[in-house]
C-alpha atoms as a PDB file:
ATOM      1  CA  MET A   1      -8.248  -6.724  -9.536  1.00  0.00           C
ATOM      2  CA  PRO A   2     -10.694  -5.603  -6.855  1.00  0.00           C
ATOM      3  CA  TYR A   3     -13.405  -2.985  -6.929  1.00  0.00           C
ATOM      4  CA  VAL A   4     -14.414  -1.317  -3.708  1.00  0.00           C
ATOM      5  CA  GLN A   5     -17.421   0.321  -2.163  1.00  0.00           C
ATOM      6  CA  ARG A   6     -16.821   2.994   0.465  1.00  0.00           C
ATOM      7  CA  GLY A   7     -18.882   3.741   3.526  1.00  0.00           C
ATOM      8  CA  PRO A   8     -20.035   7.202   4.622  1.00  0.00           C
ATOM      9  CA  ASP A   9     -16.689   7.724   6.378  1.00  0.00           C
ATOM     10  CA  GLY A  10     -14.776   7.144   3.128  1.00  0.00           C
ATOM     11  CA  ARG A  11     -13.278   3.871   4.293  1.00  0.00           C
ATOM     12  CA  ILE A  12     -13.581   0.632   2.320  1.00  0.00           C
ATOM     13  CA  ALA A  13     -16.806  -1.139   3.266  1.00  0.00           C
ATOM     14  CA  ALA A  14     -16.925  -3.921   0.654  1.00  0.00           C
ATOM     15  CA  VAL A  15     -14.737  -5.500  -2.029  1.00  0.00           C
ATOM     16  CA  SER A  16     -15.638  -7.362  -5.211  1.00  0.00           C
ATOM     17  CA  LEU A  17     -13.709  -8.826  -8.113  1.00  0.00           C
ATOM     18  CA  MET A  18     -16.381  -7.488 -10.469  1.00  0.00           C
ATOM     19  CA  ALA A  19     -17.499  -3.928 -11.008  1.00  0.00           C
ATOM     20  CA  SER A  20     -21.099  -3.113 -10.203  1.00  0.00           C
ATOM     21  CA  GLU A  21     -23.239  -0.034  -9.723  1.00  0.00           C
ATOM     22  CA  ALA A  22     -22.168   0.119  -6.075  1.00  0.00           C
ATOM     23  CA  MET A  23     -18.567  -0.888  -6.729  1.00  0.00           C
ATOM     24  CA  GLN A  24     -17.001   1.181  -9.476  1.00  0.00           C
ATOM     25  CA  GLU A  25     -13.786   2.303  -7.790  1.00  0.00           C
ATOM     26  CA  PHE A  26     -10.856   0.114  -8.794  1.00  0.00           C
ATOM     27  CA  LEU A  27      -7.893  -0.374  -6.450  1.00  0.00           C
ATOM     28  CA  ALA A  28      -4.705  -2.281  -7.192  1.00  0.00           C
ATOM     29  CA  SER A  29      -4.558  -5.339  -4.973  1.00  0.00           C
ATOM     30  CA  ASP A  30      -1.340  -4.169  -3.296  1.00  0.00           C
ATOM     31  CA  GLN A  31      -2.697  -0.816  -2.083  1.00  0.00           C
ATOM     32  CA  PRO A  32      -2.075  -0.363   1.664  1.00  0.00           C
ATOM     33  CA  GLU A  33      -5.697   0.634   2.291  1.00  0.00           C
ATOM     34  CA  LEU A  34      -6.950  -2.571   0.678  1.00  0.00           C
ATOM     35  CA  LEU A  35      -4.393  -4.660   2.560  1.00  0.00           C
ATOM     36  CA  ARG A  36      -5.540  -3.107   5.860  1.00  0.00           C
ATOM     37  CA  PHE A  37      -9.172  -3.852   4.985  1.00  0.00           C
ATOM     38  CA  SER A  38      -8.280  -7.483   4.224  1.00  0.00           C
ATOM     39  CA  ARG A  39      -6.328  -7.756   7.453  1.00  0.00           C
ATOM     40  CA  ASP A  40      -9.201  -6.311   9.466  1.00  0.00           C
ATOM     41  CA  ILE A  41     -11.806  -8.704   8.086  1.00  0.00           C
ATOM     42  CA  MET A  42      -9.556 -11.785   8.207  1.00  0.00           C
ATOM     43  CA  GLY A  43      -8.279 -11.278  11.758  1.00  0.00           C
ATOM     44  CA  GLY A  44      -6.276 -13.889  13.659  1.00  0.00           C
ATOM     45  CA  HIS A  45      -3.210 -15.463  12.078  1.00  0.00           C
ATOM     46  CA  THR A  46      -3.718 -13.695   8.764  1.00  0.00           C
ATOM     47  CA  SER A  47      -3.607 -10.370  10.566  1.00  0.00           C
ATOM     48  CA  VAL A  48      -0.291 -11.228  12.211  1.00  0.00           C
ATOM     49  CA  LEU A  49       1.148 -12.417   8.903  1.00  0.00           C
ATOM     50  CA  LEU A  50      -0.002  -9.295   7.040  1.00  0.00           C
ATOM     51  CA  ASP A  51       1.413  -7.052   9.771  1.00  0.00           C
ATOM     52  CA  SER A  52       4.713  -8.882   9.499  1.00  0.00           C
ATOM     53  CA  ASP A  53       4.663  -8.585   5.703  1.00  0.00           C
ATOM     54  CA  MET A  54       4.010  -4.852   5.852  1.00  0.00           C
ATOM     55  CA  LYS A  55       6.893  -4.353   8.290  1.00  0.00           C
ATOM     56  CA  LEU A  56       9.219  -6.437   6.117  1.00  0.00           C
ATOM     57  CA  ILE A  57       8.210  -4.434   3.045  1.00  0.00           C
ATOM     58  CA  ARG A  58       9.238  -1.273   4.870  1.00  0.00           C
ATOM     59  CA  VAL A  59      12.595  -2.837   5.800  1.00  0.00           C
ATOM     60  CA  LEU A  60      13.194  -3.770   2.165  1.00  0.00           C
ATOM     61  CA  GLU A  61      12.253  -0.271   0.994  1.00  0.00           C
ATOM     62  CA  ASP A  62      14.715   1.201   3.495  1.00  0.00           C
ATOM     63  CA  LEU A  63      17.405  -1.246   2.347  1.00  0.00           C
ATOM     64  CA  VAL A  64      16.917  -0.244  -1.292  1.00  0.00           C
ATOM     65  CA  GLU A  65      17.119   3.438  -0.289  1.00  0.00           C
ATOM     66  CA  LEU A  66      20.354   2.769   1.615  1.00  0.00           C
ATOM     67  CA  LEU A  67      21.908   0.944  -1.338  1.00  0.00           C
ATOM     68  CA  LEU A  68      20.867   3.761  -3.672  1.00  0.00           C
ATOM     69  CA  ASN A  69      22.197   6.473  -1.355  1.00  0.00           C
ATOM     70  CA  GLN A  70      25.534   4.683  -0.967  1.00  0.00           C
ATOM     71  CA  GLY A  71      25.867   4.242  -4.723  1.00  0.00           C
ATOM     72  CA  VAL A  72      25.913   0.451  -4.519  1.00  0.00           C
ATOM     73  CA  ILE A  73      23.080   0.312  -7.054  1.00  0.00           C
ATOM     74  CA  ARG A  74      21.467   2.857  -9.354  1.00  0.00           C
ATOM     75  CA  PHE A  75      17.736   3.399  -9.473  1.00  0.00           C
ATOM     76  CA  THR A  76      17.829   2.646 -13.202  1.00  0.00           C
ATOM     77  CA  ASP A  77      19.405  -0.763 -12.448  1.00  0.00           C
ATOM     78  CA  LEU A  78      16.065  -1.855 -11.014  1.00  0.00           C
ATOM     79  CA  PRO A  79      13.397  -3.307 -13.309  1.00  0.00           C
ATOM     80  CA  GLU A  80      10.814  -0.763 -14.473  1.00  0.00           C
ATOM     81  CA  PRO A  81       7.973  -2.251 -12.370  1.00  0.00           C
ATOM     82  CA  ALA A  82      10.176  -2.068  -9.259  1.00  0.00           C
ATOM     83  CA  GLN A  83      11.036   1.565 -10.036  1.00  0.00           C
ATOM     84  CA  GLN A  84       7.364   2.437 -10.405  1.00  0.00           C
ATOM     85  CA  LYS A  85       6.390   0.657  -7.191  1.00  0.00           C
ATOM     86  CA  LEU A  86       9.163   2.357  -5.192  1.00  0.00           C
ATOM     87  CA  LEU A  87       8.176   5.781  -6.527  1.00  0.00           C
ATOM     88  CA  GLU A  88       4.524   5.096  -5.728  1.00  0.00           C
ATOM     89  CA  ARG A  89       5.330   3.972  -2.181  1.00  0.00           C
ATOM     90  CA  ARG A  90       7.650   6.938  -1.620  1.00  0.00           C
ATOM     91  CA  GLY A  91       4.835   9.254  -2.699  1.00  0.00           C
ATOM     92  CA  LEU A  92       2.360   7.560  -0.377  1.00  0.00           C
ATOM     93  CA  ARG A  93       4.713   7.836   2.582  1.00  0.00           C
ATOM     94  CA  THR A  94       5.417  11.527   2.001  1.00  0.00           C
ATOM     95  CA  ASP A  95       1.787  12.565   1.384  1.00  0.00           C
ATOM     96  CA  PRO A  96      -0.037  12.298   4.744  1.00  0.00           C
ATOM     97  CA  GLU A  97      -3.423  13.067   3.163  1.00  0.00           C
ATOM     98  CA  SER A  98      -3.195  10.005   0.905  1.00  0.00           C
ATOM     99  CA  LEU A  99      -2.978   7.831   4.034  1.00  0.00           C
ATOM    100  CA  GLY A 100      -5.612   9.707   6.008  1.00  0.00           C
ATOM    101  CA  LEU A 101      -3.150  10.575   8.780  1.00  0.00           C
ATOM    102  CA  LEU A 102      -3.991  13.348  11.188  1.00  0.00           C
ATOM    103  CA  GLY A 103      -1.642  16.205  11.871  1.00  0.00           C
ATOM    104  CA  GLY A 104       0.653  15.519   8.914  1.00  0.00           C
ATOM    105  CA  GLU A 105       2.366  12.489  10.436  1.00  0.00           C
ATOM    106  CA  THR A 106       4.674  10.599   8.071  1.00  0.00           C
ATOM    107  CA  LEU A 107       5.532   6.936   8.120  1.00  0.00           C
END
């Protein structure tokens, strides 16, 4: 469970597994912002793998939405943690400010 320190621009500048005076903000390890930070500092193969993972996650989210819309499955059929994660991701995608996008772009 990582703690982050932000730079003057509000972006993640450092990550630690332990809270400190400089690192008091907690982020869940699957937050897109934290994943991007990890990708940026790791570079190379890890970056390609993380990009691929993020794209596959989006495909799976779209697949779940399709199955829900067609009535193949019900939202309540999904385990509670999956329901929460899907709702969280849907909120992130529909709130441009939470992603720092300019001009109200949506993903």
